[in-house]
mmCIF file of all heavy atoms, coordinates in Angstrom:
data_MODEL
# 
_entry.id   MODEL 
# 
loop_
_atom_site.group_PDB 
_atom_site.id 
_atom_site.type_symbol 
_atom_site.label_atom_id 
_atom_site.label_alt_id 
_atom_site.label_comp_id 
_atom_site.label_asym_id 
_atom_site.label_entity_id 
_atom_site.label_seq_id 
_atom_site.pdbx_PDB_ins_code 
_atom_site.Cartn_x 
_atom_site.Cartn_y 
_atom_site.Cartn_z 
_atom_site.occupancy 
_atom_site.B_iso_or_equiv 
_atom_site.pdbx_formal_charge 
_atom_site.auth_seq_id 
_atom_site.auth_comp_id 
_atom_site.auth_asym_id 
_atom_site.auth_atom_id 
_atom_site.pdbx_PDB_model_num 
ATOM 1   N N   . ILE A 1 1  ? 128.415 106.448 86.397 1.00 0.00 ? 1  ILE A N   1 
ATOM 2   C CA  . ILE A 1 1  ? 126.986 106.643 86.430 1.00 0.00 ? 1  ILE A CA  1 
ATOM 3   C C   . ILE A 1 1  ? 126.330 105.978 85.226 1.00 0.00 ? 1  ILE A C   1 
ATOM 4   O O   . ILE A 1 1  ? 126.573 106.370 84.095 1.00 0.00 ? 1  ILE A O   1 
ATOM 5   C CB  . ILE A 1 1  ? 126.619 108.171 86.460 1.00 0.00 ? 1  ILE A CB  1 
ATOM 6   C CG1 . ILE A 1 1  ? 127.214 108.845 87.689 1.00 0.00 ? 1  ILE A CG1 1 
ATOM 7   C CG2 . ILE A 1 1  ? 125.081 108.394 86.402 1.00 0.00 ? 1  ILE A CG2 1 
ATOM 8   C CD1 . ILE A 1 1  ? 126.906 110.337 87.767 1.00 0.00 ? 1  ILE A CD1 1 
ATOM 9   N N   . LEU A 1 2  ? 125.563 104.935 85.465 1.00 0.00 ? 2  LEU A N   1 
ATOM 10  C CA  . LEU A 1 2  ? 124.842 104.257 84.395 1.00 0.00 ? 2  LEU A CA  1 
ATOM 11  C C   . LEU A 1 2  ? 123.575 104.963 84.046 1.00 0.00 ? 2  LEU A C   1 
ATOM 12  O O   . LEU A 1 2  ? 122.847 105.461 84.919 1.00 0.00 ? 2  LEU A O   1 
ATOM 13  C CB  . LEU A 1 2  ? 124.571 102.814 84.801 1.00 0.00 ? 2  LEU A CB  1 
ATOM 14  C CG  . LEU A 1 2  ? 125.795 101.877 85.010 1.00 0.00 ? 2  LEU A CG  1 
ATOM 15  C CD1 . LEU A 1 2  ? 125.291 100.479 85.542 1.00 0.00 ? 2  LEU A CD1 1 
ATOM 16  C CD2 . LEU A 1 2  ? 126.596 101.735 83.758 1.00 0.00 ? 2  LEU A CD2 1 
ATOM 17  N N   . SER A 1 3  ? 123.249 104.996 82.783 1.00 0.00 ? 3  SER A N   1 
ATOM 18  C CA  . SER A 1 3  ? 122.009 105.707 82.399 1.00 0.00 ? 3  SER A CA  1 
ATOM 19  C C   . SER A 1 3  ? 121.287 104.935 81.268 1.00 0.00 ? 3  SER A C   1 
ATOM 20  O O   . SER A 1 3  ? 121.917 104.254 80.424 1.00 0.00 ? 3  SER A O   1 
ATOM 21  C CB  . SER A 1 3  ? 122.308 107.110 81.884 1.00 0.00 ? 3  SER A CB  1 
ATOM 22  O OG  . SER A 1 3  ? 123.020 107.083 80.670 1.00 0.00 ? 3  SER A OG  1 
ATOM 23  N N   . ASP A 1 4  ? 119.962 104.979 81.272 1.00 0.00 ? 4  ASP A N   1 
ATOM 24  C CA  . ASP A 1 4  ? 119.131 104.329 80.250 1.00 0.00 ? 4  ASP A CA  1 
ATOM 25  C C   . ASP A 1 4  ? 117.801 105.111 80.168 1.00 0.00 ? 4  ASP A C   1 
ATOM 26  O O   . ASP A 1 4  ? 117.527 105.995 80.984 1.00 0.00 ? 4  ASP A O   1 
ATOM 27  C CB  . ASP A 1 4  ? 118.902 102.907 80.602 1.00 0.00 ? 4  ASP A CB  1 
ATOM 28  C CG  . ASP A 1 4  ? 118.377 102.053 79.418 1.00 0.00 ? 4  ASP A CG  1 
ATOM 29  O OD1 . ASP A 1 4  ? 118.358 102.613 78.304 1.00 0.00 ? 4  ASP A OD1 1 
ATOM 30  O OD2 . ASP A 1 4  ? 118.024 100.886 79.597 1.00 0.00 ? 4  ASP A OD2 1 
ATOM 31  N N   . ASP A 1 5  ? 117.043 104.793 79.108 1.00 0.00 ? 5  ASP A N   1 
ATOM 32  C CA  . ASP A 1 5  ? 115.832 105.536 78.937 1.00 0.00 ? 5  ASP A CA  1 
ATOM 33  C C   . ASP A 1 5  ? 114.687 105.005 79.899 1.00 0.00 ? 5  ASP A C   1 
ATOM 34  O O   . ASP A 1 5  ? 113.796 105.744 80.275 1.00 0.00 ? 5  ASP A O   1 
ATOM 35  C CB  . ASP A 1 5  ? 115.340 105.481 77.489 1.00 0.00 ? 5  ASP A CB  1 
ATOM 36  C CG  . ASP A 1 5  ? 115.308 104.055 76.919 1.00 0.00 ? 5  ASP A CG  1 
ATOM 37  O OD1 . ASP A 1 5  ? 115.829 103.208 77.644 1.00 0.00 ? 5  ASP A OD1 1 
ATOM 38  O OD2 . ASP A 1 5  ? 114.873 103.910 75.785 1.00 0.00 ? 5  ASP A OD2 1 
ATOM 39  N N   . LEU A 1 6  ? 114.730 103.702 80.194 1.00 0.00 ? 6  LEU A N   1 
ATOM 40  C CA  . LEU A 1 6  ? 113.599 103.080 80.912 1.00 0.00 ? 6  LEU A CA  1 
ATOM 41  C C   . LEU A 1 6  ? 114.063 102.028 81.885 1.00 0.00 ? 6  LEU A C   1 
ATOM 42  O O   . LEU A 1 6  ? 114.951 101.220 81.541 1.00 0.00 ? 6  LEU A O   1 
ATOM 43  C CB  . LEU A 1 6  ? 112.583 102.477 79.933 1.00 0.00 ? 6  LEU A CB  1 
ATOM 44  C CG  . LEU A 1 6  ? 111.460 101.618 80.513 1.00 0.00 ? 6  LEU A CG  1 
ATOM 45  C CD1 . LEU A 1 6  ? 110.442 102.539 81.259 1.00 0.00 ? 6  LEU A CD1 1 
ATOM 46  C CD2 . LEU A 1 6  ? 110.716 100.828 79.434 1.00 0.00 ? 6  LEU A CD2 1 
ATOM 47  N N   . LEU A 1 7  ? 113.527 102.043 83.078 1.00 0.00 ? 7  LEU A N   1 
ATOM 48  C CA  . LEU A 1 7  ? 113.717 100.947 84.041 1.00 0.00 ? 7  LEU A CA  1 
ATOM 49  C C   . LEU A 1 7  ? 112.348 100.417 84.459 1.00 0.00 ? 7  LEU A C   1 
ATOM 50  O O   . LEU A 1 7  ? 111.584 101.069 85.112 1.00 0.00 ? 7  LEU A O   1 
ATOM 51  C CB  . LEU A 1 7  ? 114.480 101.438 85.279 1.00 0.00 ? 7  LEU A CB  1 
ATOM 52  C CG  . LEU A 1 7  ? 114.597 100.377 86.383 1.00 0.00 ? 7  LEU A CG  1 
ATOM 53  C CD1 . LEU A 1 7  ? 115.425 99.177  85.910 1.00 0.00 ? 7  LEU A CD1 1 
ATOM 54  C CD2 . LEU A 1 7  ? 115.219 100.976 87.630 1.00 0.00 ? 7  LEU A CD2 1 
ATOM 55  N N   . HIS A 1 8  ? 112.029 99.224  83.957 1.00 0.00 ? 8  HIS A N   1 
ATOM 56  C CA  . HIS A 1 8  ? 110.760 98.625  84.359 1.00 0.00 ? 8  HIS A CA  1 
ATOM 57  C C   . HIS A 1 8  ? 111.043 97.164  84.831 1.00 0.00 ? 8  HIS A C   1 
ATOM 58  O O   . HIS A 1 8  ? 110.980 96.913  86.028 1.00 0.00 ? 8  HIS A O   1 
ATOM 59  C CB  . HIS A 1 8  ? 109.845 98.603  83.107 1.00 0.00 ? 8  HIS A CB  1 
ATOM 60  C CG  . HIS A 1 8  ? 108.484 97.993  83.345 1.00 0.00 ? 8  HIS A CG  1 
ATOM 61  N ND1 . HIS A 1 8  ? 107.781 98.257  84.515 1.00 0.00 ? 8  HIS A ND1 1 
ATOM 62  C CD2 . HIS A 1 8  ? 107.724 97.134  82.600 1.00 0.00 ? 8  HIS A CD2 1 
ATOM 63  C CE1 . HIS A 1 8  ? 106.624 97.580  84.508 1.00 0.00 ? 8  HIS A CE1 1 
ATOM 64  N NE2 . HIS A 1 8  ? 106.598 96.939  83.302 1.00 0.00 ? 8  HIS A NE2 1 
ATOM 65  N N   . LYS A 1 9  ? 111.338 96.265  83.955 1.00 0.00 ? 9  LYS A N   1 
ATOM 66  C CA  . LYS A 1 9  ? 111.588 94.894  84.341 1.00 0.00 ? 9  LYS A CA  1 
ATOM 67  C C   . LYS A 1 9  ? 113.091 94.636  84.702 1.00 0.00 ? 9  LYS A C   1 
ATOM 68  O O   . LYS A 1 9  ? 113.356 93.699  85.368 1.00 0.00 ? 9  LYS A O   1 
ATOM 69  C CB  . LYS A 1 9  ? 111.179 93.922  83.210 1.00 0.00 ? 9  LYS A CB  1 
ATOM 70  C CG  . LYS A 1 9  ? 109.644 93.980  82.946 1.00 0.00 ? 9  LYS A CG  1 
ATOM 71  C CD  . LYS A 1 9  ? 109.273 93.010  81.818 1.00 0.00 ? 9  LYS A CD  1 
ATOM 72  C CE  . LYS A 1 9  ? 107.793 93.078  81.578 1.00 0.00 ? 9  LYS A CE  1 
ATOM 73  N NZ  . LYS A 1 9  ? 107.373 92.139  80.463 1.00 0.00 ? 9  LYS A NZ  1 
ATOM 74  N N   . GLY A 1 10 ? 113.968 95.509  84.213 1.00 0.00 ? 10 GLY A N   1 
ATOM 75  C CA  . GLY A 1 10 ? 115.336 95.458  84.660 1.00 0.00 ? 10 GLY A CA  1 
ATOM 76  C C   . GLY A 1 10 ? 116.203 94.349  84.073 1.00 0.00 ? 10 GLY A C   1 
ATOM 77  O O   . GLY A 1 10 ? 117.238 94.007  84.678 1.00 0.00 ? 10 GLY A O   1 
ATOM 78  N N   . TYR A 1 11 ? 115.844 93.769  82.944 1.00 0.00 ? 11 TYR A N   1 
ATOM 79  C CA  . TYR A 1 11 ? 116.595 92.679  82.320 1.00 0.00 ? 11 TYR A CA  1 
ATOM 80  C C   . TYR A 1 11 ? 118.049 93.165  81.937 1.00 0.00 ? 11 TYR A C   1 
ATOM 81  O O   . TYR A 1 11 ? 119.017 92.505  82.241 1.00 0.00 ? 11 TYR A O   1 
ATOM 82  C CB  . TYR A 1 11 ? 115.906 92.103  81.112 1.00 0.00 ? 11 TYR A CB  1 
ATOM 83  C CG  . TYR A 1 11 ? 114.591 91.454  81.417 1.00 0.00 ? 11 TYR A CG  1 
ATOM 84  C CD1 . TYR A 1 11 ? 113.408 91.770  80.721 1.00 0.00 ? 11 TYR A CD1 1 
ATOM 85  C CD2 . TYR A 1 11 ? 114.465 90.501  82.420 1.00 0.00 ? 11 TYR A CD2 1 
ATOM 86  C CE1 . TYR A 1 11 ? 112.225 91.162  80.968 1.00 0.00 ? 11 TYR A CE1 1 
ATOM 87  C CE2 . TYR A 1 11 ? 113.275 89.908  82.717 1.00 0.00 ? 11 TYR A CE2 1 
ATOM 88  C CZ  . TYR A 1 11 ? 112.129 90.205  81.979 1.00 0.00 ? 11 TYR A CZ  1 
ATOM 89  O OH  . TYR A 1 11 ? 110.915 89.602  82.247 1.00 0.00 ? 11 TYR A OH  1 
ATOM 90  N N   . ARG A 1 12 ? 118.095 94.314  81.279 1.00 0.00 ? 12 ARG A N   1 
ATOM 91  C CA  . ARG A 1 12 ? 119.352 94.751  80.777 1.00 0.00 ? 12 ARG A CA  1 
ATOM 92  C C   . ARG A 1 12 ? 120.311 95.181  81.942 1.00 0.00 ? 12 ARG A C   1 
ATOM 93  O O   . ARG A 1 12 ? 121.475 94.809  81.905 1.00 0.00 ? 12 ARG A O   1 
ATOM 94  C CB  . ARG A 1 12 ? 119.125 95.949  79.804 1.00 0.00 ? 12 ARG A CB  1 
ATOM 95  C CG  . ARG A 1 12 ? 120.319 96.221  78.910 1.00 0.00 ? 12 ARG A CG  1 
ATOM 96  C CD  . ARG A 1 12 ? 120.022 97.369  77.966 1.00 0.00 ? 12 ARG A CD  1 
ATOM 97  N NE  . ARG A 1 12 ? 118.890 97.089  77.087 1.00 0.00 ? 12 ARG A NE  1 
ATOM 98  C CZ  . ARG A 1 12 ? 118.991 96.639  75.883 1.00 0.00 ? 12 ARG A CZ  1 
ATOM 99  N NH1 . ARG A 1 12 ? 120.155 96.442  75.332 1.00 0.00 ? 12 ARG A NH1 1 
ATOM 100 N NH2 . ARG A 1 12 ? 117.894 96.450  75.103 1.00 0.00 ? 12 ARG A NH2 1 
ATOM 101 N N   . ILE A 1 13 ? 119.790 95.890  82.895 1.00 0.00 ? 13 ILE A N   1 
ATOM 102 C CA  . ILE A 1 13 ? 120.654 96.328  83.957 1.00 0.00 ? 13 ILE A CA  1 
ATOM 103 C C   . ILE A 1 13 ? 121.166 95.089  84.801 1.00 0.00 ? 13 ILE A C   1 
ATOM 104 O O   . ILE A 1 13 ? 122.259 95.044  85.311 1.00 0.00 ? 13 ILE A O   1 
ATOM 105 C CB  . ILE A 1 13 ? 119.980 97.346  84.920 1.00 0.00 ? 13 ILE A CB  1 
ATOM 106 C CG1 . ILE A 1 13 ? 120.944 97.838  86.003 1.00 0.00 ? 13 ILE A CG1 1 
ATOM 107 C CG2 . ILE A 1 13 ? 118.694 96.827  85.520 1.00 0.00 ? 13 ILE A CG2 1 
ATOM 108 C CD1 . ILE A 1 13 ? 122.131 98.484  85.554 1.00 0.00 ? 13 ILE A CD1 1 
ATOM 109 N N   . SER A 1 14 ? 120.298 94.112  84.951 1.00 0.00 ? 14 SER A N   1 
ATOM 110 C CA  . SER A 1 14 ? 120.695 92.901  85.692 1.00 0.00 ? 14 SER A CA  1 
ATOM 111 C C   . SER A 1 14 ? 121.793 92.170  84.991 1.00 0.00 ? 14 SER A C   1 
ATOM 112 O O   . SER A 1 14 ? 122.764 91.663  85.650 1.00 0.00 ? 14 SER A O   1 
ATOM 113 C CB  . SER A 1 14 ? 119.483 91.950  85.860 1.00 0.00 ? 14 SER A CB  1 
ATOM 114 O OG  . SER A 1 14 ? 118.471 92.570  86.643 1.00 0.00 ? 14 SER A OG  1 
ATOM 115 N N   . ALA A 1 15 ? 121.767 92.205  83.676 1.00 0.00 ? 15 ALA A N   1 
ATOM 116 C CA  . ALA A 1 15 ? 122.796 91.478  82.887 1.00 0.00 ? 15 ALA A CA  1 
ATOM 117 C C   . ALA A 1 15 ? 124.147 92.144  82.957 1.00 0.00 ? 15 ALA A C   1 
ATOM 118 O O   . ALA A 1 15 ? 125.175 91.546  83.206 1.00 0.00 ? 15 ALA A O   1 
ATOM 119 C CB  . ALA A 1 15 ? 122.338 91.307  81.420 1.00 0.00 ? 15 ALA A CB  1 
ATOM 120 N N   . ILE A 1 16 ? 124.111 93.496  82.812 1.00 0.00 ? 16 ILE A N   1 
ATOM 121 C CA  . ILE A 1 16 ? 125.435 94.206  82.805 1.00 0.00 ? 16 ILE A CA  1 
ATOM 122 C C   . ILE A 1 16 ? 125.971 94.419  84.184 1.00 0.00 ? 16 ILE A C   1 
ATOM 123 O O   . ILE A 1 16 ? 127.169 94.539  84.376 1.00 0.00 ? 16 ILE A O   1 
ATOM 124 C CB  . ILE A 1 16 ? 125.296 95.512  82.071 1.00 0.00 ? 16 ILE A CB  1 
ATOM 125 C CG1 . ILE A 1 16 ? 124.432 96.512  82.828 1.00 0.00 ? 16 ILE A CG1 1 
ATOM 126 C CG2 . ILE A 1 16 ? 124.787 95.361  80.663 1.00 0.00 ? 16 ILE A CG2 1 
ATOM 127 C CD1 . ILE A 1 16 ? 124.441 97.933  82.258 1.00 0.00 ? 16 ILE A CD1 1 
ATOM 128 N N   . ASP A 1 17 ? 125.074 94.366  85.197 1.00 0.00 ? 17 ASP A N   1 
ATOM 129 C CA  . ASP A 1 17 ? 125.554 94.570  86.580 1.00 0.00 ? 17 ASP A CA  1 
ATOM 130 C C   . ASP A 1 17 ? 126.481 93.448  86.986 1.00 0.00 ? 17 ASP A C   1 
ATOM 131 O O   . ASP A 1 17 ? 127.492 93.647  87.709 1.00 0.00 ? 17 ASP A O   1 
ATOM 132 C CB  . ASP A 1 17 ? 124.331 94.614  87.544 1.00 0.00 ? 17 ASP A CB  1 
ATOM 133 C CG  . ASP A 1 17 ? 124.757 94.811  88.961 1.00 0.00 ? 17 ASP A CG  1 
ATOM 134 O OD1 . ASP A 1 17 ? 125.379 95.877  89.244 1.00 0.00 ? 17 ASP A OD1 1 
ATOM 135 O OD2 . ASP A 1 17 ? 124.436 93.979  89.825 1.00 0.00 ? 17 ASP A OD2 1 
ATOM 136 N N   . LYS A 1 18 ? 126.160 92.228  86.513 1.00 0.00 ? 18 LYS A N   1 
ATOM 137 C CA  . LYS A 1 18 ? 127.050 91.053  86.840 1.00 0.00 ? 18 LYS A CA  1 
ATOM 138 C C   . LYS A 1 18 ? 128.441 91.264  86.291 1.00 0.00 ? 18 LYS A C   1 
ATOM 139 O O   . LYS A 1 18 ? 129.446 90.975  86.964 1.00 0.00 ? 18 LYS A O   1 
ATOM 140 C CB  . LYS A 1 18 ? 126.448 89.815  86.247 1.00 0.00 ? 18 LYS A CB  1 
ATOM 141 C CG  . LYS A 1 18 ? 125.105 89.449  86.796 1.00 0.00 ? 18 LYS A CG  1 
ATOM 142 C CD  . LYS A 1 18 ? 124.547 88.192  86.083 1.00 0.00 ? 18 LYS A CD  1 
ATOM 143 C CE  . LYS A 1 18 ? 123.145 87.801  86.577 1.00 0.00 ? 18 LYS A CE  1 
ATOM 144 N NZ  . LYS A 1 18 ? 122.623 86.682  85.824 1.00 0.00 ? 18 LYS A NZ  1 
ATOM 145 N N   . ILE A 1 19 ? 128.545 91.881  85.117 1.00 0.00 ? 19 ILE A N   1 
ATOM 146 C CA  . ILE A 1 19 ? 129.838 92.095  84.509 1.00 0.00 ? 19 ILE A CA  1 
ATOM 147 C C   . ILE A 1 19 ? 130.610 93.202  85.231 1.00 0.00 ? 19 ILE A C   1 
ATOM 148 O O   . ILE A 1 19 ? 131.830 93.047  85.439 1.00 0.00 ? 19 ILE A O   1 
ATOM 149 C CB  . ILE A 1 19 ? 129.641 92.446  83.004 1.00 0.00 ? 19 ILE A CB  1 
ATOM 150 C CG1 . ILE A 1 19 ? 128.884 91.333  82.276 1.00 0.00 ? 19 ILE A CG1 1 
ATOM 151 C CG2 . ILE A 1 19 ? 131.013 92.666  82.306 1.00 0.00 ? 19 ILE A CG2 1 
ATOM 152 C CD1 . ILE A 1 19 ? 128.550 91.574  80.841 1.00 0.00 ? 19 ILE A CD1 1 
ATOM 153 N N   . PHE A 1 20 ? 129.922 94.263  85.650 1.00 0.00 ? 20 PHE A N   1 
ATOM 154 C CA  . PHE A 1 20 ? 130.586 95.325  86.354 1.00 0.00 ? 20 PHE A CA  1 
ATOM 155 C C   . PHE A 1 20 ? 131.167 94.809  87.638 1.00 0.00 ? 20 PHE A C   1 
ATOM 156 O O   . PHE A 1 20 ? 132.262 95.136  88.101 1.00 0.00 ? 20 PHE A O   1 
ATOM 157 C CB  . PHE A 1 20 ? 129.635 96.459  86.628 1.00 0.00 ? 20 PHE A CB  1 
ATOM 158 C CG  . PHE A 1 20 ? 129.571 97.501  85.486 1.00 0.00 ? 20 PHE A CG  1 
ATOM 159 C CD1 . PHE A 1 20 ? 128.681 97.298  84.456 1.00 0.00 ? 20 PHE A CD1 1 
ATOM 160 C CD2 . PHE A 1 20 ? 130.374 98.597  85.538 1.00 0.00 ? 20 PHE A CD2 1 
ATOM 161 C CE1 . PHE A 1 20 ? 128.618 98.218  83.414 1.00 0.00 ? 20 PHE A CE1 1 
ATOM 162 C CE2 . PHE A 1 20 ? 130.329 99.495  84.488 1.00 0.00 ? 20 PHE A CE2 1 
ATOM 163 C CZ  . PHE A 1 20 ? 129.417 99.314  83.443 1.00 0.00 ? 20 PHE A CZ  1 
ATOM 164 N N   . LYS A 1 21 ? 130.406 93.879  88.314 1.00 0.00 ? 21 LYS A N   1 
ATOM 165 C CA  . LYS A 1 21 ? 130.907 93.276  89.567 1.00 0.00 ? 21 LYS A CA  1 
ATOM 166 C C   . LYS A 1 21 ? 132.113 92.325  89.314 1.00 0.00 ? 21 LYS A C   1 
ATOM 167 O O   . LYS A 1 21 ? 133.052 92.332  90.078 1.00 0.00 ? 21 LYS A O   1 
ATOM 168 C CB  . LYS A 1 21 ? 129.768 92.532  90.288 1.00 0.00 ? 21 LYS A CB  1 
ATOM 169 C CG  . LYS A 1 21 ? 128.725 93.483  90.878 1.00 0.00 ? 21 LYS A CG  1 
ATOM 170 C CD  . LYS A 1 21 ? 127.573 92.700  91.527 1.00 0.00 ? 21 LYS A CD  1 
ATOM 171 C CE  . LYS A 1 21 ? 126.559 93.634  92.142 1.00 0.00 ? 21 LYS A CE  1 
ATOM 172 N NZ  . LYS A 1 21 ? 125.414 92.901  92.779 1.00 0.00 ? 21 LYS A NZ  1 
ATOM 173 N N   . GLN A 1 22 ? 132.007 91.546  88.228 1.00 0.00 ? 22 GLN A N   1 
ATOM 174 C CA  . GLN A 1 22 ? 133.097 90.637  87.872 1.00 0.00 ? 22 GLN A CA  1 
ATOM 175 C C   . GLN A 1 22 ? 134.403 91.416  87.634 1.00 0.00 ? 22 GLN A C   1 
ATOM 176 O O   . GLN A 1 22 ? 135.476 90.955  88.012 1.00 0.00 ? 22 GLN A O   1 
ATOM 177 C CB  . GLN A 1 22 ? 132.722 89.812  86.655 1.00 0.00 ? 22 GLN A CB  1 
ATOM 178 C CG  . GLN A 1 22 ? 131.666 88.794  86.891 1.00 0.00 ? 22 GLN A CG  1 
ATOM 179 C CD  . GLN A 1 22 ? 131.205 88.090  85.633 1.00 0.00 ? 22 GLN A CD  1 
ATOM 180 O OE1 . GLN A 1 22 ? 131.716 88.432  84.536 1.00 0.00 ? 22 GLN A OE1 1 
ATOM 181 N NE2 . GLN A 1 22 ? 130.234 87.194  85.709 1.00 0.00 ? 22 GLN A NE2 1 
ATOM 182 N N   . GLU A 1 23 ? 134.266 92.591  86.994 1.00 0.00 ? 23 GLU A N   1 
ATOM 183 C CA  . GLU A 1 23 ? 135.488 93.377  86.632 1.00 0.00 ? 23 GLU A CA  1 
ATOM 184 C C   . GLU A 1 23 ? 135.816 94.378  87.761 1.00 0.00 ? 23 GLU A C   1 
ATOM 185 O O   . GLU A 1 23 ? 136.768 95.165  87.609 1.00 0.00 ? 23 GLU A O   1 
ATOM 186 C CB  . GLU A 1 23 ? 135.285 94.100  85.308 1.00 0.00 ? 23 GLU A CB  1 
ATOM 187 C CG  . GLU A 1 23 ? 134.918 93.186  84.090 1.00 0.00 ? 23 GLU A CG  1 
ATOM 188 C CD  . GLU A 1 23 ? 136.070 92.227  83.797 1.00 0.00 ? 23 GLU A CD  1 
ATOM 189 O OE1 . GLU A 1 23 ? 137.223 92.577  84.215 1.00 0.00 ? 23 GLU A OE1 1 
ATOM 190 O OE2 . GLU A 1 23 ? 135.792 91.186  83.271 1.00 0.00 ? 23 GLU A OE2 1 
ATOM 191 N N   . ASP A 1 24 ? 135.048 94.331  88.863 1.00 0.00 ? 24 ASP A N   1 
ATOM 192 C CA  . ASP A 1 24 ? 135.346 95.160  90.036 1.00 0.00 ? 24 ASP A CA  1 
ATOM 193 C C   . ASP A 1 24 ? 135.304 96.681  89.625 1.00 0.00 ? 24 ASP A C   1 
ATOM 194 O O   . ASP A 1 24 ? 136.200 97.431  89.936 1.00 0.00 ? 24 ASP A O   1 
ATOM 195 C CB  . ASP A 1 24 ? 136.687 94.792  90.613 1.00 0.00 ? 24 ASP A CB  1 
ATOM 196 C CG  . ASP A 1 24 ? 136.853 95.438  92.029 1.00 0.00 ? 24 ASP A CG  1 
ATOM 197 O OD1 . ASP A 1 24 ? 135.866 95.699  92.682 1.00 0.00 ? 24 ASP A OD1 1 
ATOM 198 O OD2 . ASP A 1 24 ? 137.997 95.700  92.433 1.00 0.00 ? 24 ASP A OD2 1 
ATOM 199 N N   . VAL A 1 25 ? 134.253 97.074  88.970 1.00 0.00 ? 25 VAL A N   1 
ATOM 200 C CA  . VAL A 1 25 ? 134.014 98.407  88.558 1.00 0.00 ? 25 VAL A CA  1 
ATOM 201 C C   . VAL A 1 25 ? 132.844 98.991  89.410 1.00 0.00 ? 25 VAL A C   1 
ATOM 202 O O   . VAL A 1 25 ? 131.690 98.598  89.247 1.00 0.00 ? 25 VAL A O   1 
ATOM 203 C CB  . VAL A 1 25 ? 133.689 98.588  87.073 1.00 0.00 ? 25 VAL A CB  1 
ATOM 204 C CG1 . VAL A 1 25 ? 133.419 100.036 86.712 1.00 0.00 ? 25 VAL A CG1 1 
ATOM 205 C CG2 . VAL A 1 25 ? 134.832 98.005  86.218 1.00 0.00 ? 25 VAL A CG2 1 
ATOM 206 N N   . PRO A 1 26 ? 133.141 99.901  90.357 1.00 0.00 ? 26 PRO A N   1 
ATOM 207 C CA  . PRO A 1 26 ? 132.057 100.393 91.196 1.00 0.00 ? 26 PRO A CA  1 
ATOM 208 C C   . PRO A 1 26 ? 131.117 101.332 90.382 1.00 0.00 ? 26 PRO A C   1 
ATOM 209 O O   . PRO A 1 26 ? 131.587 102.181 89.581 1.00 0.00 ? 26 PRO A O   1 
ATOM 210 C CB  . PRO A 1 26 ? 132.798 101.180 92.296 1.00 0.00 ? 26 PRO A CB  1 
ATOM 211 C CG  . PRO A 1 26 ? 134.087 101.577 91.651 1.00 0.00 ? 26 PRO A CG  1 
ATOM 212 C CD  . PRO A 1 26 ? 134.415 100.462 90.660 1.00 0.00 ? 26 PRO A CD  1 
ATOM 213 N N   . VAL A 1 27 ? 129.828 101.212 90.694 1.00 0.00 ? 27 VAL A N   1 
ATOM 214 C CA  . VAL A 1 27 ? 128.826 102.084 90.063 1.00 0.00 ? 27 VAL A CA  1 
ATOM 215 C C   . VAL A 1 27 ? 128.273 103.071 91.100 1.00 0.00 ? 27 VAL A C   1 
ATOM 216 O O   . VAL A 1 27 ? 127.715 102.700 92.132 1.00 0.00 ? 27 VAL A O   1 
ATOM 217 C CB  . VAL A 1 27 ? 127.643 101.238 89.478 1.00 0.00 ? 27 VAL A CB  1 
ATOM 218 C CG1 . VAL A 1 27 ? 126.557 102.154 88.938 1.00 0.00 ? 27 VAL A CG1 1 
ATOM 219 C CG2 . VAL A 1 27 ? 128.155 100.271 88.430 1.00 0.00 ? 27 VAL A CG2 1 
ATOM 220 N N   . LEU A 1 28 ? 128.500 104.375 90.844 1.00 0.00 ? 28 LEU A N   1 
ATOM 221 C CA  . LEU A 1 28 ? 128.095 105.428 91.776 1.00 0.00 ? 28 LEU A CA  1 
ATOM 222 C C   . LEU A 1 28 ? 126.572 105.492 91.925 1.00 0.00 ? 28 LEU A C   1 
ATOM 223 O O   . LEU A 1 28 ? 126.006 105.523 93.019 1.00 0.00 ? 28 LEU A O   1 
ATOM 224 C CB  . LEU A 1 28 ? 128.673 106.733 91.337 1.00 0.00 ? 28 LEU A CB  1 
ATOM 225 C CG  . LEU A 1 28 ? 128.342 107.949 92.293 1.00 0.00 ? 28 LEU A CG  1 
ATOM 226 C CD1 . LEU A 1 28 ? 128.988 107.747 93.643 1.00 0.00 ? 28 LEU A CD1 1 
ATOM 227 C CD2 . LEU A 1 28 ? 128.846 109.249 91.598 1.00 0.00 ? 28 LEU A CD2 1 
ATOM 228 N N   . MET A 1 29 ? 125.841 105.520 90.751 1.00 0.00 ? 29 MET A N   1 
ATOM 229 C CA  . MET A 1 29 ? 124.446 105.598 90.770 1.00 0.00 ? 29 MET A CA  1 
ATOM 230 C C   . MET A 1 29 ? 123.882 105.280 89.345 1.00 0.00 ? 29 MET A C   1 
ATOM 231 O O   . MET A 1 29 ? 124.640 105.126 88.415 1.00 0.00 ? 29 MET A O   1 
ATOM 232 C CB  . MET A 1 29 ? 123.947 106.962 91.173 1.00 0.00 ? 29 MET A CB  1 
ATOM 233 C CG  . MET A 1 29 ? 124.199 108.090 90.221 1.00 0.00 ? 29 MET A CG  1 
ATOM 234 S SD  . MET A 1 29 ? 123.495 109.722 90.746 1.00 0.00 ? 29 MET A SD  1 
ATOM 235 C CE  . MET A 1 29 ? 121.745 109.309 90.905 1.00 0.00 ? 29 MET A CE  1 
ATOM 236 N N   . LEU A 1 30 ? 122.522 105.189 89.281 1.00 0.00 ? 30 LEU A N   1 
ATOM 237 C CA  . LEU A 1 30 ? 121.849 104.935 87.991 1.00 0.00 ? 30 LEU A CA  1 
ATOM 238 C C   . LEU A 1 30 ? 120.850 106.052 87.754 1.00 0.00 ? 30 LEU A C   1 
ATOM 239 O O   . LEU A 1 30 ? 120.161 106.459 88.750 1.00 0.00 ? 30 LEU A O   1 
ATOM 240 C CB  . LEU A 1 30 ? 121.172 103.610 87.991 1.00 0.00 ? 30 LEU A CB  1 
ATOM 241 C CG  . LEU A 1 30 ? 122.086 102.359 88.207 1.00 0.00 ? 30 LEU A CG  1 
ATOM 242 C CD1 . LEU A 1 30 ? 122.105 101.922 89.662 1.00 0.00 ? 30 LEU A CD1 1 
ATOM 243 C CD2 . LEU A 1 30 ? 121.524 101.168 87.331 1.00 0.00 ? 30 LEU A CD2 1 
# 
């Protein structure tokens, strides 16, 4: 479960999402 204080423009989540997919780590929710 990924967590952060704010989701607005989504730059940070977009960047780390690519890495989670590359390493084949499933994300249950945010």
